[in-house]
Amino acid sequence: MSPISVRGFAVASATAVTAVGSVVGVASGSTAQTNDAEATAAETTLLADIPAGQQAQVQTASLTQQANVQAIQADASAKKDAEESARKAAAKSAIEKKEAAEQAAKEAKERAEAKTAASRSASSFPVQSSYTVAQIQAMARQMVPSAQFQCFSNIVDHESSWNYQAVNASSGAYGLFQALPGSKMSSVGSDWQTNPATQIKWGLNYMDSRYGSPCEAWSFWQANHWY
């Protein structure tokens, strides 16, 4: 190939790529100016003057350039998607770790409260000849874990209305928890008939051993109206 041919081929290669872009632009609906049309016609004439084999090379170069641009765009899009996925995964992991930490802290607090309540035995309270509802509830608050107290209280409300000497005329069930027979409460103290603290200790032990906790016992009570 002569130097003139090489130069002509290079010029034709560049103009052919431009010509392909112009044709694509027209096909997509864009409006070309008069000068652009003249330039495109001139470039198309130059392309027609190139031998067939060289035309194929020019067209191949144009298609390769387009493919490279598309590949770069696809890589950028994939990178952006990957970064977004990683961000979402990190945020989800952080939330899960926070929730797990909060749950662990809550359980630790409940265990500490349960331990403190367990150390508070019935004998820790002074014996009286009689007790008001407020006094009995105050005892219960010191013996029952705070997270379980409302459930515990709900059961006592329904069973005896916090009357530690309540007796069921039909069955003989006795005390705050309507134990049947009432004498089973003697397992935690011989003063079960007169000491509400003894009854509270028995009732809490019963709910924990039979149902797992006062709240589980309350769930059962709601479903069956007994426990």
C-alpha atoms as a PDB file:
ATOM      1  CA  MET A   1       0.000   0.000   0.000  1.00  0.00           C
ATOM      2  CA  SER A   2       1.431   3.403  -0.995  1.00  0.00           C
ATOM      3  CA  PRO A   3       1.818   6.287   1.513  1.00  0.00           C
ATOM      4  CA  ILE A   4      -1.118   8.023  -0.132  1.00  0.00           C
ATOM      5  CA  SER A   5      -3.189   4.872   0.284  1.00  0.00           C
ATOM      6  CA  VAL A   6      -2.212   4.582   3.963  1.00  0.00           C
ATOM      7  CA  ARG A   7      -3.175   8.185   4.596  1.00  0.00           C
ATOM      8  CA  GLY A   8      -6.378   7.719   2.681  1.00  0.00           C
ATOM      9  CA  PHE A   9      -7.171   4.596   4.670  1.00  0.00           C
ATOM     10  CA  ALA A  10      -6.575   6.384   7.989  1.00  0.00           C
ATOM     11  CA  VAL A  11      -8.768   9.312   6.957  1.00  0.00           C
ATOM     12  CA  ALA A  12     -11.399   6.953   5.685  1.00  0.00           C
ATOM     13  CA  SER A  13     -11.290   4.948   8.914  1.00  0.00           C
ATOM     14  CA  ALA A  14     -11.915   8.027  11.023  1.00  0.00           C
ATOM     15  CA  THR A  15     -14.601   9.424   8.795  1.00  0.00           C
ATOM     16  CA  ALA A  16     -16.276   6.050   8.452  1.00  0.00           C
ATOM     17  CA  VAL A  17     -16.682   5.848  12.224  1.00  0.00           C
ATOM     18  CA  THR A  18     -18.195   9.337  12.164  1.00  0.00           C
ATOM     19  CA  ALA A  19     -20.445   8.319   9.289  1.00  0.00           C
ATOM     20  CA  VAL A  20     -21.677   5.291  11.218  1.00  0.00           C
ATOM     21  CA  GLY A  21     -22.448   7.512  14.214  1.00  0.00           C
ATOM     22  CA  SER A  22     -24.324   9.967  11.990  1.00  0.00           C
ATOM     23  CA  VAL A  23     -26.411   7.212  10.469  1.00  0.00           C
ATOM     24  CA  VAL A  24     -27.240   5.886  13.919  1.00  0.00           C
ATOM     25  CA  GLY A  25     -28.237   9.372  15.054  1.00  0.00           C
ATOM     26  CA  VAL A  26     -30.620   9.811  12.105  1.00  0.00           C
ATOM     27  CA  ALA A  27     -32.094   6.363  12.678  1.00  0.00           C
ATOM     28  CA  SER A  28     -32.835   7.239  16.315  1.00  0.00           C
ATOM     29  CA  GLY A  29     -34.884  10.259  15.292  1.00  0.00           C
ATOM     30  CA  SER A  30     -32.433  13.149  15.765  1.00  0.00           C
ATOM     31  CA  THR A  31     -32.535  16.013  13.216  1.00  0.00           C
ATOM     32  CA  ALA A  32     -29.216  16.571  11.325  1.00  0.00           C
ATOM     33  CA  GLN A  33     -28.183  20.037  10.188  1.00  0.00           C
ATOM     34  CA  THR A  34     -27.393  20.776   6.499  1.00  0.00           C
ATOM     35  CA  ASN A  35     -23.651  20.893   7.124  1.00  0.00           C
ATOM     36  CA  ASP A  36     -23.794  17.532   8.920  1.00  0.00           C
ATOM     37  CA  ALA A  37     -25.614  16.007   5.926  1.00  0.00           C
ATOM     38  CA  GLU A  38     -22.970  17.322   3.518  1.00  0.00           C
ATOM     39  CA  ALA A  39     -20.176  16.022   5.724  1.00  0.00           C
ATOM     40  CA  THR A  40     -21.853  12.639   5.974  1.00  0.00           C
ATOM     41  CA  ALA A  41     -22.232  12.478   2.161  1.00  0.00           C
ATOM     42  CA  ALA A  42     -18.557  13.348   1.712  1.00  0.00           C
ATOM     43  CA  GLU A  43     -17.511  10.754   4.275  1.00  0.00           C
ATOM     44  CA  THR A  44     -19.711   8.117   2.652  1.00  0.00           C
ATOM     45  CA  THR A  45     -18.067   8.902  -0.720  1.00  0.00           C
ATOM     46  CA  LEU A  46     -14.624   8.453   0.859  1.00  0.00           C
ATOM     47  CA  LEU A  47     -15.730   5.120   2.317  1.00  0.00           C
ATOM     48  CA  ALA A  48     -16.982   4.024  -1.088  1.00  0.00           C
ATOM     49  CA  ASP A  49     -13.558   4.847  -2.602  1.00  0.00           C
ATOM     50  CA  ILE A  50     -11.819   2.433  -0.200  1.00  0.00           C
ATOM     51  CA  PRO A  51     -11.296  -1.125  -1.447  1.00  0.00           C
ATOM     52  CA  ALA A  52     -13.800  -3.657  -0.113  1.00  0.00           C
ATOM     53  CA  GLY A  53     -11.285  -5.399   2.162  1.00  0.00           C
ATOM     54  CA  GLN A  54     -10.303  -2.118   3.797  1.00  0.00           C
ATOM     55  CA  GLN A  55     -13.972  -1.135   4.214  1.00  0.00           C
ATOM     56  CA  ALA A  56     -14.470  -4.282   6.294  1.00  0.00           C
ATOM     57  CA  GLN A  57     -11.566  -3.255   8.518  1.00  0.00           C
ATOM     58  CA  VAL A  58     -13.026   0.217   8.998  1.00  0.00           C
ATOM     59  CA  GLN A  59     -16.453  -1.170   9.864  1.00  0.00           C
ATOM     60  CA  THR A  60     -14.895  -3.691  12.236  1.00  0.00           C
ATOM     61  CA  ALA A  61     -13.011  -0.902  14.001  1.00  0.00           C
ATOM     62  CA  SER A  62     -16.246   1.061  14.413  1.00  0.00           C
ATOM     63  CA  LEU A  63     -18.128  -1.912  15.845  1.00  0.00           C
ATOM     64  CA  THR A  64     -15.221  -2.687  18.183  1.00  0.00           C
ATOM     65  CA  GLN A  65     -15.281   0.884  19.463  1.00  0.00           C
ATOM     66  CA  GLN A  66     -19.020   0.682  20.143  1.00  0.00           C
ATOM     67  CA  ALA A  67     -18.583  -2.669  21.888  1.00  0.00           C
ATOM     68  CA  ASN A  68     -15.843  -1.221  24.106  1.00  0.00           C
ATOM     69  CA  VAL A  69     -18.037   1.726  25.105  1.00  0.00           C
ATOM     70  CA  GLN A  70     -20.915  -0.616  25.956  1.00  0.00           C
ATOM     71  CA  ALA A  71     -18.581  -2.860  27.956  1.00  0.00           C
ATOM     72  CA  ILE A  72     -17.308   0.109  29.979  1.00  0.00           C
ATOM     73  CA  GLN A  73     -20.891   1.217  30.703  1.00  0.00           C
ATOM     74  CA  ALA A  74     -21.860  -2.326  31.730  1.00  0.00           C
ATOM     75  CA  ASP A  75     -18.844  -2.571  34.056  1.00  0.00           C
ATOM     76  CA  ALA A  76     -19.730   0.748  35.685  1.00  0.00           C
ATOM     77  CA  SER A  77     -23.347  -0.339  36.175  1.00  0.00           C
ATOM     78  CA  ALA A  78     -22.291  -3.685  37.632  1.00  0.00           C
ATOM     79  CA  LYS A  79     -19.861  -1.954  40.013  1.00  0.00           C
ATOM     80  CA  LYS A  80     -22.578   0.437  41.167  1.00  0.00           C
ATOM     81  CA  ASP A  81     -25.012  -2.456  41.755  1.00  0.00           C
ATOM     82  CA  ALA A  82     -22.369  -4.388  43.691  1.00  0.00           C
ATOM     83  CA  GLU A  83     -21.601  -1.370  45.898  1.00  0.00           C
ATOM     84  CA  GLU A  84     -25.315  -0.842  46.613  1.00  0.00           C
ATOM     85  CA  SER A  85     -25.772  -4.521  47.492  1.00  0.00           C
ATOM     86  CA  ALA A  86     -22.768  -4.385  49.807  1.00  0.00           C
ATOM     87  CA  ARG A  87     -24.115  -1.245  51.489  1.00  0.00           C
ATOM     88  CA  LYS A  88     -27.515  -2.847  52.086  1.00  0.00           C
ATOM     89  CA  ALA A  89     -25.932  -6.035  53.420  1.00  0.00           C
ATOM     90  CA  ALA A  90     -23.749  -4.045  55.818  1.00  0.00           C
ATOM     91  CA  ALA A  91     -26.736  -2.023  57.044  1.00  0.00           C
ATOM     92  CA  LYS A  92     -28.784  -5.194  57.600  1.00  0.00           C
ATOM     93  CA  SER A  93     -25.917  -6.830  59.492  1.00  0.00           C
ATOM     94  CA  ALA A  94     -25.525  -3.756  61.703  1.00  0.00           C
ATOM     95  CA  ILE A  95     -29.236  -3.758  62.546  1.00  0.00           C
ATOM     96  CA  GLU A  96     -29.192  -7.472  63.370  1.00  0.00           C
ATOM     97  CA  LYS A  97     -26.147  -7.043  65.620  1.00  0.00           C
ATOM     98  CA  LYS A  98     -27.811  -4.129  67.401  1.00  0.00           C
ATOM     99  CA  GLU A  99     -31.000  -6.122  67.979  1.00  0.00           C
ATOM    100  CA  ALA A 100     -29.007  -9.100  69.240  1.00  0.00           C
ATOM    101  CA  ALA A 101     -27.075  -6.871  71.649  1.00  0.00           C
ATOM    102  CA  GLU A 102     -30.287  -5.278  72.928  1.00  0.00           C
ATOM    103  CA  GLN A 103     -31.870  -8.696  73.439  1.00  0.00           C
ATOM    104  CA  ALA A 104     -28.791  -9.960  75.286  1.00  0.00           C
ATOM    105  CA  ALA A 105     -28.831  -6.877  77.524  1.00  0.00           C
ATOM    106  CA  LYS A 106     -32.538  -7.368  78.236  1.00  0.00           C
ATOM    107  CA  GLU A 107     -32.040 -11.021  79.154  1.00  0.00           C
ATOM    108  CA  ALA A 108     -29.084 -10.166  81.376  1.00  0.00           C
ATOM    109  CA  LYS A 109     -31.179  -7.558  83.170  1.00  0.00           C
ATOM    110  CA  GLU A 110     -34.016 -10.032  83.685  1.00  0.00           C
ATOM    111  CA  ARG A 111     -31.614 -12.635  85.057  1.00  0.00           C
ATOM    112  CA  ALA A 112     -30.176 -10.094  87.464  1.00  0.00           C
ATOM    113  CA  GLU A 113     -33.651  -9.091  88.619  1.00  0.00           C
ATOM    114  CA  ALA A 114     -34.674 -12.721  89.033  1.00  0.00           C
ATOM    115  CA  LYS A 115     -31.566 -13.388  91.094  1.00  0.00           C
ATOM    116  CA  THR A 116     -32.291 -10.394  93.305  1.00  0.00           C
ATOM    117  CA  ALA A 117     -35.920 -11.441  93.708  1.00  0.00           C
ATOM    118  CA  ALA A 118     -34.947 -15.017  94.527  1.00  0.00           C
ATOM    119  CA  SER A 119     -32.707 -13.804  97.333  1.00  0.00           C
ATOM    120  CA  ARG A 120     -35.712 -12.104  98.856  1.00  0.00           C
ATOM    121  CA  SER A 121     -37.336 -14.900 100.842  1.00  0.00           C
ATOM    122  CA  ALA A 122     -40.649 -14.860 102.650  1.00  0.00           C
ATOM    123  CA  SER A 123     -38.866 -14.585 105.962  1.00  0.00           C
ATOM    124  CA  SER A 124     -37.411 -11.240 104.890  1.00  0.00           C
ATOM    125  CA  PHE A 125     -40.720  -9.536 105.639  1.00  0.00           C
ATOM    126  CA  PRO A 126     -41.904  -8.830 109.185  1.00  0.00           C
ATOM    127  CA  VAL A 127     -44.832 -10.950 110.323  1.00  0.00           C
ATOM    128  CA  GLN A 128     -48.066  -9.030 110.913  1.00  0.00           C
ATOM    129  CA  SER A 129     -51.474  -9.976 112.187  1.00  0.00           C
ATOM    130  CA  SER A 130     -53.044  -8.761 108.951  1.00  0.00           C
ATOM    131  CA  TYR A 131     -52.013  -7.240 105.615  1.00  0.00           C
ATOM    132  CA  THR A 132     -53.551  -4.743 103.250  1.00  0.00           C
ATOM    133  CA  VAL A 133     -53.691  -5.310  99.500  1.00  0.00           C
ATOM    134  CA  ALA A 134     -51.091  -2.567  99.036  1.00  0.00           C
ATOM    135  CA  GLN A 135     -48.715  -4.292 101.440  1.00  0.00           C
ATOM    136  CA  ILE A 136     -49.138  -7.657  99.729  1.00  0.00           C
ATOM    137  CA  GLN A 137     -48.541  -6.118  96.315  1.00  0.00           C
ATOM    138  CA  ALA A 138     -45.414  -4.388  97.641  1.00  0.00           C
ATOM    139  CA  MET A 139     -44.120  -7.773  98.805  1.00  0.00           C
ATOM    140  CA  ALA A 140     -44.840  -9.274  95.411  1.00  0.00           C
ATOM    141  CA  ARG A 141     -43.002  -6.485  93.611  1.00  0.00           C
ATOM    142  CA  GLN A 142     -39.903  -7.268  95.640  1.00  0.00           C
ATOM    143  CA  MET A 143     -40.118 -11.014  95.024  1.00  0.00           C
ATOM    144  CA  VAL A 144     -41.249 -11.174  91.387  1.00  0.00           C
ATOM    145  CA  PRO A 145     -38.996 -10.027  88.491  1.00  0.00           C
ATOM    146  CA  SER A 146     -40.275  -6.680  87.215  1.00  0.00           C
ATOM    147  CA  ALA A 147     -40.729  -7.977  83.651  1.00  0.00           C
ATOM    148  CA  GLN A 148     -43.025 -10.699  84.988  1.00  0.00           C
ATOM    149  CA  PHE A 149     -44.916  -8.753  87.626  1.00  0.00           C
ATOM    150  CA  GLN A 150     -47.874  -7.628  85.511  1.00  0.00           C
ATOM    151  CA  CYS A 151     -48.603 -11.191  84.383  1.00  0.00           C
ATOM    152  CA  PHE A 152     -48.229 -12.393  87.972  1.00  0.00           C
ATOM    153  CA  SER A 153     -50.572  -9.654  89.146  1.00  0.00           C
ATOM    154  CA  ASN A 154     -53.166 -10.495  86.477  1.00  0.00           C
ATOM    155  CA  ILE A 155     -53.430 -14.065  87.756  1.00  0.00           C
ATOM    156  CA  VAL A 156     -53.758 -12.980  91.393  1.00  0.00           C
ATOM    157  CA  ASP A 157     -56.404 -10.410  90.397  1.00  0.00           C
ATOM    158  CA  HIS A 158     -58.538 -13.122  88.800  1.00  0.00           C
ATOM    159  CA  GLU A 159     -57.932 -15.805  91.420  1.00  0.00           C
ATOM    160  CA  SER A 160     -58.338 -13.907  94.685  1.00  0.00           C
ATOM    161  CA  SER A 161     -58.314 -10.131  94.136  1.00  0.00           C
ATOM    162  CA  TRP A 162     -55.183 -10.143  96.342  1.00  0.00           C
ATOM    163  CA  ASN A 163     -57.034 -11.610  99.317  1.00  0.00           C
ATOM    164  CA  TYR A 164     -54.504 -13.935 100.954  1.00  0.00           C
ATOM    165  CA  GLN A 165     -57.278 -15.543 103.033  1.00  0.00           C
ATOM    166  CA  ALA A 166     -59.727 -16.118 100.182  1.00  0.00           C
ATOM    167  CA  VAL A 167     -61.495 -19.489 100.303  1.00  0.00           C
ATOM    168  CA  ASN A 168     -63.483 -21.105  97.506  1.00  0.00           C
ATOM    169  CA  ALA A 169     -66.699 -22.296  99.128  1.00  0.00           C
ATOM    170  CA  SER A 170     -67.109 -25.142  96.623  1.00  0.00           C
ATOM    171  CA  SER A 171     -63.626 -26.575  96.305  1.00  0.00           C
ATOM    172  CA  GLY A 172     -61.818 -25.259  99.360  1.00  0.00           C
ATOM    173  CA  ALA A 173     -59.072 -23.678  97.228  1.00  0.00           C
ATOM    174  CA  TYR A 174     -57.183 -21.197  99.370  1.00  0.00           C
ATOM    175  CA  GLY A 175     -55.154 -18.011  99.286  1.00  0.00           C
ATOM    176  CA  LEU A 176     -53.831 -15.627  96.693  1.00  0.00           C
ATOM    177  CA  PHE A 177     -53.458 -18.332  94.070  1.00  0.00           C
ATOM    178  CA  GLN A 178     -56.397 -20.521  95.116  1.00  0.00           C
ATOM    179  CA  ALA A 179     -54.119 -23.485  95.719  1.00  0.00           C
ATOM    180  CA  LEU A 180     -56.003 -26.769  95.917  1.00  0.00           C
ATOM    181  CA  PRO A 181     -55.562 -28.007  98.495  1.00  0.00           C
ATOM    182  CA  GLY A 182     -54.182 -24.952 100.216  1.00  0.00           C
ATOM    183  CA  SER A 183     -51.918 -27.119 102.334  1.00  0.00           C
ATOM    184  CA  LYS A 184     -49.618 -27.724  99.339  1.00  0.00           C
ATOM    185  CA  MET A 185     -48.222 -24.251 100.061  1.00  0.00           C
ATOM    186  CA  SER A 186     -46.669 -25.665 103.227  1.00  0.00           C
ATOM    187  CA  SER A 187     -43.800 -26.812 101.004  1.00  0.00           C
ATOM    188  CA  VAL A 188     -42.345 -23.318 101.325  1.00  0.00           C
ATOM    189  CA  GLY A 189     -43.526 -22.378 104.810  1.00  0.00           C
ATOM    190  CA  SER A 190     -45.703 -23.588 107.655  1.00  0.00           C
ATOM    191  CA  ASP A 191     -47.318 -20.159 107.917  1.00  0.00           C
ATOM    192  CA  TRP A 192     -48.943 -20.436 104.480  1.00  0.00           C
ATOM    193  CA  GLN A 193     -52.405 -19.653 105.869  1.00  0.00           C
ATOM    194  CA  THR A 194     -51.447 -16.334 107.446  1.00  0.00           C
ATOM    195  CA  ASN A 195     -48.373 -15.055 105.612  1.00  0.00           C
ATOM    196  CA  PRO A 196     -48.914 -13.660 102.107  1.00  0.00           C
ATOM    197  CA  ALA A 197     -45.138 -13.610 101.495  1.00  0.00           C
ATOM    198  CA  THR A 198     -45.111 -17.406 101.875  1.00  0.00           C
ATOM    199  CA  GLN A 199     -47.983 -17.685  99.413  1.00  0.00           C
ATOM    200  CA  ILE A 200     -46.237 -15.383  96.929  1.00  0.00           C
ATOM    201  CA  LYS A 201     -43.096 -17.493  97.083  1.00  0.00           C
ATOM    202  CA  TRP A 202     -45.117 -20.652  96.476  1.00  0.00           C
ATOM    203  CA  GLY A 203     -47.105 -19.101  93.635  1.00  0.00           C
ATOM    204  CA  LEU A 204     -43.993 -17.844  91.869  1.00  0.00           C
ATOM    205  CA  ASN A 205     -42.294 -21.239  92.216  1.00  0.00           C
ATOM    206  CA  TYR A 206     -45.420 -22.947  90.860  1.00  0.00           C
ATOM    207  CA  MET A 207     -45.646 -20.687  87.779  1.00  0.00           C
ATOM    208  CA  ASP A 208     -41.929 -21.015  87.032  1.00  0.00           C
ATOM    209  CA  SER A 209     -41.808 -24.806  87.407  1.00  0.00           C
ATOM    210  CA  ARG A 210     -45.078 -25.601  85.615  1.00  0.00           C
ATOM    211  CA  TYR A 211     -45.117 -22.970  82.841  1.00  0.00           C
ATOM    212  CA  GLY A 212     -41.645 -21.434  82.754  1.00  0.00           C
ATOM    213  CA  SER A 213     -42.646 -17.977  83.986  1.00  0.00           C
ATOM    214  CA  PRO A 214     -45.641 -15.974  85.254  1.00  0.00           C
ATOM    215  CA  CYS A 215     -46.237 -14.598  81.746  1.00  0.00           C
ATOM    216  CA  GLU A 216     -46.403 -18.105  80.292  1.00  0.00           C
ATOM    217  CA  ALA A 217     -48.788 -19.042  83.093  1.00  0.00           C
ATOM    218  CA  TRP A 218     -50.916 -15.988  82.297  1.00  0.00           C
ATOM    219  CA  SER A 219     -51.063 -16.965  78.619  1.00  0.00           C
ATOM    220  CA  PHE A 220     -52.335 -20.379  79.642  1.00  0.00           C
ATOM    221  CA  TRP A 221     -54.844 -18.821  82.025  1.00  0.00           C
ATOM    222  CA  GLN A 222     -56.228 -16.577  79.286  1.00  0.00           C
ATOM    223  CA  ALA A 223     -56.782 -19.580  77.034  1.00  0.00           C
ATOM    224  CA  ASN A 224     -58.269 -21.861  79.695  1.00  0.00           C
ATOM    225  CA  HIS A 225     -59.400 -19.647  82.610  1.00  0.00           C
ATOM    226  CA  TRP A 226     -57.396 -21.788  85.001  1.00  0.00           C
ATOM    227  CA  TYR A 227     -53.741 -22.576  85.415  1.00  0.00           C
END
